[in-house]
Amino acid sequence: MLVAAKLLGELAERIGQPAVLGELVAGVLLGGSVLGIVPSGGSAAEVVHVFAQLGVVLLLFEIGLETDLREMFRVGTASLSEAACMALQVAGCHRRSRRWPCSHSIIRPPSRH
């Protein structure tokens, strides 16, 4: 997993993307969604889960270290309004999708008995 993440991270940087994008793609490829190389059950999956959680904590810590507060305050109002609009759009789409009568819908309303 580490070798694949490092290789795809390096490839992502060579094409002008952040390394973390390549590392995430490596995780998707190796996970149960595509190749299924990473175990998804048993004690091995629990170990992978613990390391994945640790990786998330380290990633968020690294992002926090690189955050420029002056830049955040400079674009704060625009970012806040953008985030609010996106949240409203997602909520609206979710609400509309719950009313669609299709059996193959990804978001299903809770069953009422």
C-alpha atoms as a PDB file:
ATOM      1  CA  MET A   1       0.000   0.000   0.000  1.00  0.00           C
ATOM      2  CA  LEU A   2       2.757   2.432   0.914  1.00  0.00           C
ATOM      3  CA  VAL A   3       4.696   1.759  -2.290  1.00  0.00           C
ATOM      4  CA  ALA A   4       1.612   2.273  -4.453  1.00  0.00           C
ATOM      5  CA  ALA A   5       0.715   5.471  -2.596  1.00  0.00           C
ATOM      6  CA  LYS A   6       4.246   6.824  -2.954  1.00  0.00           C
ATOM      7  CA  LEU A   7       4.441   5.935  -6.669  1.00  0.00           C
ATOM      8  CA  LEU A   8       1.059   7.452  -7.527  1.00  0.00           C
ATOM      9  CA  GLY A   9       1.820  10.473  -5.346  1.00  0.00           C
ATOM     10  CA  GLU A  10       5.026  11.049  -7.308  1.00  0.00           C
ATOM     11  CA  LEU A  11       3.151  10.592 -10.605  1.00  0.00           C
ATOM     12  CA  ALA A  12       0.535  13.122  -9.511  1.00  0.00           C
ATOM     13  CA  GLU A  13       3.242  15.671  -8.685  1.00  0.00           C
ATOM     14  CA  ARG A  14       4.863  15.167 -12.094  1.00  0.00           C
ATOM     15  CA  ILE A  15       1.613  16.062 -13.823  1.00  0.00           C
ATOM     16  CA  GLY A  16       1.166  19.140 -11.635  1.00  0.00           C
ATOM     17  CA  GLN A  17      -1.244  17.773  -9.039  1.00  0.00           C
ATOM     18  CA  PRO A  18      -0.791  17.482  -5.261  1.00  0.00           C
ATOM     19  CA  ALA A  19       0.794  14.224  -4.102  1.00  0.00           C
ATOM     20  CA  VAL A  20      -2.163  13.526  -1.834  1.00  0.00           C
ATOM     21  CA  LEU A  21      -4.380  13.145  -4.913  1.00  0.00           C
ATOM     22  CA  GLY A  22      -2.216  10.298  -6.203  1.00  0.00           C
ATOM     23  CA  GLU A  23      -2.132   8.731  -2.764  1.00  0.00           C
ATOM     24  CA  LEU A  24      -5.931   8.808  -2.552  1.00  0.00           C
ATOM     25  CA  VAL A  25      -6.219   7.255  -6.012  1.00  0.00           C
ATOM     26  CA  ALA A  26      -3.865   4.477  -4.873  1.00  0.00           C
ATOM     27  CA  GLY A  27      -6.137   3.823  -1.902  1.00  0.00           C
ATOM     28  CA  VAL A  28      -9.205   3.599  -4.115  1.00  0.00           C
ATOM     29  CA  LEU A  29      -7.447   1.266  -6.558  1.00  0.00           C
ATOM     30  CA  LEU A  30      -6.136  -1.066  -3.855  1.00  0.00           C
ATOM     31  CA  GLY A  31      -9.344  -1.023  -1.804  1.00  0.00           C
ATOM     32  CA  GLY A  32     -12.432  -3.157  -2.163  1.00  0.00           C
ATOM     33  CA  SER A  33     -13.918  -0.913  -4.858  1.00  0.00           C
ATOM     34  CA  VAL A  34     -11.479  -1.835  -7.633  1.00  0.00           C
ATOM     35  CA  LEU A  35      -8.772  -4.447  -7.068  1.00  0.00           C
ATOM     36  CA  GLY A  36      -9.680  -5.659  -3.586  1.00  0.00           C
ATOM     37  CA  ILE A  37      -6.039  -6.096  -2.507  1.00  0.00           C
ATOM     38  CA  VAL A  38      -6.573  -4.465   0.886  1.00  0.00           C
ATOM     39  CA  PRO A  39      -8.429  -6.859   3.211  1.00  0.00           C
ATOM     40  CA  SER A  40     -12.002  -5.899   4.006  1.00  0.00           C
ATOM     41  CA  GLY A  41     -12.743  -8.419   6.745  1.00  0.00           C
ATOM     42  CA  GLY A  42     -11.129 -10.026   9.772  1.00  0.00           C
ATOM     43  CA  SER A  43      -8.337  -8.867  12.024  1.00  0.00           C
ATOM     44  CA  ALA A  44      -6.189  -7.668   9.101  1.00  0.00           C
ATOM     45  CA  ALA A  45      -8.964  -5.263   8.107  1.00  0.00           C
ATOM     46  CA  GLU A  46      -9.078  -3.931  11.662  1.00  0.00           C
ATOM     47  CA  VAL A  47      -5.339  -3.214  11.570  1.00  0.00           C
ATOM     48  CA  VAL A  48      -5.729  -1.430   8.225  1.00  0.00           C
ATOM     49  CA  HIS A  49      -8.638   0.552   9.681  1.00  0.00           C
ATOM     50  CA  VAL A  50      -6.539   1.716  12.663  1.00  0.00           C
ATOM     51  CA  PHE A  51      -3.706   2.816  10.373  1.00  0.00           C
ATOM     52  CA  ALA A  52      -6.205   4.542   8.075  1.00  0.00           C
ATOM     53  CA  GLN A  53      -7.585   6.516  11.017  1.00  0.00           C
ATOM     54  CA  LEU A  54      -4.064   7.454  12.069  1.00  0.00           C
ATOM     55  CA  GLY A  55      -3.330   8.562   8.501  1.00  0.00           C
ATOM     56  CA  VAL A  56      -6.384  10.817   8.500  1.00  0.00           C
ATOM     57  CA  VAL A  57      -5.287  12.441  11.759  1.00  0.00           C
ATOM     58  CA  LEU A  58      -1.767  13.029  10.395  1.00  0.00           C
ATOM     59  CA  LEU A  59      -3.137  14.402   7.115  1.00  0.00           C
ATOM     60  CA  LEU A  60      -5.384  16.866   8.936  1.00  0.00           C
ATOM     61  CA  PHE A  61      -2.481  17.879  11.185  1.00  0.00           C
ATOM     62  CA  GLU A  62      -0.286  18.503   8.142  1.00  0.00           C
ATOM     63  CA  ILE A  63      -3.024  20.570   6.487  1.00  0.00           C
ATOM     64  CA  GLY A  64      -3.347  22.605   9.678  1.00  0.00           C
ATOM     65  CA  LEU A  65       0.372  23.325   9.690  1.00  0.00           C
ATOM     66  CA  GLU A  66       0.205  24.623   6.122  1.00  0.00           C
ATOM     67  CA  THR A  67      -2.862  26.811   6.673  1.00  0.00           C
ATOM     68  CA  ASP A  68      -2.303  30.550   6.292  1.00  0.00           C
ATOM     69  CA  LEU A  69      -4.778  32.342   8.576  1.00  0.00           C
ATOM     70  CA  ARG A  70      -4.356  35.696   6.814  1.00  0.00           C
ATOM     71  CA  GLU A  71      -5.333  34.092   3.519  1.00  0.00           C
ATOM     72  CA  MET A  72      -8.321  32.376   5.152  1.00  0.00           C
ATOM     73  CA  PHE A  73      -9.610  35.675   6.552  1.00  0.00           C
ATOM     74  CA  ARG A  74      -9.039  37.380   3.198  1.00  0.00           C
ATOM     75  CA  VAL A  75     -11.267  34.914   1.346  1.00  0.00           C
ATOM     76  CA  GLY A  76     -13.498  34.091   4.336  1.00  0.00           C
ATOM     77  CA  THR A  77     -16.706  35.817   3.236  1.00  0.00           C
ATOM     78  CA  ALA A  78     -16.583  34.418  -0.283  1.00  0.00           C
ATOM     79  CA  SER A  79     -15.749  30.929   0.992  1.00  0.00           C
ATOM     80  CA  LEU A  80     -18.532  31.007   3.567  1.00  0.00           C
ATOM     81  CA  SER A  81     -21.154  32.066   1.025  1.00  0.00           C
ATOM     82  CA  GLU A  82     -19.914  29.411  -1.439  1.00  0.00           C
ATOM     83  CA  ALA A  83     -20.082  26.701   1.229  1.00  0.00           C
ATOM     84  CA  ALA A  84     -23.591  27.777   2.262  1.00  0.00           C
ATOM     85  CA  CYS A  85     -24.800  27.676  -1.358  1.00  0.00           C
ATOM     86  CA  MET A  86     -23.317  24.222  -1.879  1.00  0.00           C
ATOM     87  CA  ALA A  87     -24.896  22.922   1.327  1.00  0.00           C
ATOM     88  CA  LEU A  88     -28.293  24.241   0.256  1.00  0.00           C
ATOM     89  CA  GLN A  89     -27.921  22.656  -3.182  1.00  0.00           C
ATOM     90  CA  VAL A  90     -27.016  19.284  -1.698  1.00  0.00           C
ATOM     91  CA  ALA A  91     -29.923  19.476   0.756  1.00  0.00           C
ATOM     92  CA  GLY A  92     -32.300  20.412  -2.071  1.00  0.00           C
ATOM     93  CA  CYS A  93     -31.106  17.574  -4.300  1.00  0.00           C
ATOM     94  CA  HIS A  94     -31.402  15.118  -1.422  1.00  0.00           C
ATOM     95  CA  ARG A  95     -34.913  16.296  -0.640  1.00  0.00           C
ATOM     96  CA  ARG A  96     -35.982  16.003  -4.301  1.00  0.00           C
ATOM     97  CA  SER A  97     -34.382  12.579  -4.721  1.00  0.00           C
ATOM     98  CA  ARG A  98     -36.366  11.230  -1.778  1.00  0.00           C
ATOM     99  CA  ARG A  99     -39.582  11.971  -3.684  1.00  0.00           C
ATOM    100  CA  TRP A 100     -38.530  10.241  -6.910  1.00  0.00           C
ATOM    101  CA  PRO A 101     -40.307   6.911  -7.299  1.00  0.00           C
ATOM    102  CA  CYS A 102     -37.375   4.920  -8.694  1.00  0.00           C
ATOM    103  CA  SER A 103     -36.311   1.612  -7.242  1.00  0.00           C
ATOM    104  CA  HIS A 104     -32.648   2.042  -8.183  1.00  0.00           C
ATOM    105  CA  SER A 105     -32.185   5.312  -6.295  1.00  0.00           C
ATOM    106  CA  ILE A 106     -28.973   5.538  -4.283  1.00  0.00           C
ATOM    107  CA  ILE A 107     -30.655   7.555  -1.536  1.00  0.00           C
ATOM    108  CA  ARG A 108     -33.693   5.719  -0.295  1.00  0.00           C
ATOM    109  CA  PRO A 109     -36.150   7.232   2.172  1.00  0.00           C
ATOM    110  CA  PRO A 110     -36.627   5.333   5.425  1.00  0.00           C
ATOM    111  CA  SER A 111     -39.352   2.731   5.207  1.00  0.00           C
ATOM    112  CA  ARG A 112     -42.579   3.621   6.998  1.00  0.00           C
ATOM    113  CA  HIS A 113     -44.484   0.843   8.653  1.00  0.00           C
END
